[in-house]
Structures are given as C-alpha cells and as structure tokens.
Protein backbone atom coordinates (compact mmCIF):
# COMPACT_ATOMS: atom_id res chain seq x y z
CA UNK A 1 -43.45 66.80 -21.97
CA UNK A 2 -43.38 69.36 -19.16
CA UNK A 3 -41.88 66.83 -16.77
CA UNK A 4 -39.01 66.31 -19.20
CA UNK A 5 -38.12 70.00 -19.03
CA UNK A 6 -38.29 69.85 -15.25
CA UNK A 7 -36.01 66.80 -15.07
CA UNK A 8 -33.47 68.31 -17.46
CA UNK A 9 -33.45 71.51 -15.40
CA UNK A 10 -32.95 69.57 -12.18
CA UNK A 11 -30.09 67.54 -13.65
CA UNK A 12 -28.35 70.68 -14.92
CA UNK A 13 -28.77 72.31 -11.51
CA UNK A 14 -27.33 69.26 -9.74
CA UNK A 15 -24.41 69.15 -12.19
CA UNK A 16 -23.63 72.80 -11.47
CA UNK A 17 -23.78 72.16 -7.71
CA UNK A 18 -21.35 69.24 -8.02
CA UNK A 19 -19.07 71.29 -10.27
CA UNK A 20 -19.08 74.11 -7.71
CA UNK A 21 -18.26 71.65 -4.91
CA UNK A 22 -15.40 70.21 -6.95
CA UNK A 23 -13.96 73.64 -7.72
CA UNK A 24 -14.28 74.65 -4.05
CA UNK A 25 -12.48 71.46 -2.95
CA UNK A 26 -9.71 72.03 -5.48
CA UNK A 27 -9.20 75.65 -4.41
CA UNK A 28 -9.14 74.91 -0.67
CA UNK A 29 -6.55 72.15 -1.00
CA UNK A 30 -8.73 69.16 -0.16
CA UNK A 31 -6.78 66.95 -2.56
CA UNK A 32 -3.24 68.24 -2.04
CA UNK A 33 -2.00 65.46 0.23
CA UNK A 34 -1.88 62.26 -1.79
CA UNK A 35 0.83 60.54 0.28
CA UNK A 36 -0.63 60.43 3.81
CA UNK A 37 -3.91 58.56 3.13
CA UNK A 38 -1.98 55.63 1.66
CA UNK A 39 0.25 55.44 4.73
CA UNK A 40 -2.50 56.14 7.28
CA UNK A 41 -4.24 52.84 6.52
CA UNK A 42 -1.13 51.00 7.73
CA UNK A 43 -1.42 52.49 11.22
CA UNK A 44 -5.18 52.28 11.90
CA UNK A 45 -5.13 48.71 13.23
CA UNK A 46 -2.22 49.37 15.57
CA UNK A 47 -3.93 52.39 17.10
CA UNK A 48 -7.20 50.51 17.63
CA UNK A 49 -5.38 47.53 19.19
CA UNK A 50 -3.43 49.78 21.55
CA UNK A 51 -6.58 51.62 22.56
CA UNK A 52 -8.48 48.39 23.20
CA UNK A 53 -5.56 47.02 25.28
CA UNK A 54 -5.58 50.19 27.38
CA UNK A 55 -9.32 49.76 27.97
CA UNK A 56 -8.81 46.15 29.13
CA UNK A 57 -6.02 47.03 31.53
CA UNK A 58 -7.78 50.08 33.00
CA UNK A 59 -10.94 48.18 34.01
C-alpha cells in the first residue's frame, strides 16, 4: 500500500511539472506563430538539395 502512495505522489509531481512547462511555454510565446511551421515544410527539401549541389560542385 505504501508504494501506491509513492506512485500517486510521483504522478502528481510529474503532472505539476508538465503544467508548469506548458504555462511557461504559453507565457513566453512558444506557440504564437502558427503560420510559419506549415510553410517551412515546403522549403526544407529545396534548401537541402541546393546545399548538396553546392557540396558536389565545390569538391
């Protein structure tokens, strides 16, 4: 029965840590930009291809 109290205490502590991290992220503006991540995925392949072409031509 003692282990049950320990596990409940640990789960409450972890929940409070995650809640604190969520509140910190919300206050510091981590989730303010919802437009750029959707557009950024469109340009990742082009940047990697251009970089790999530069590596081939420079060697």
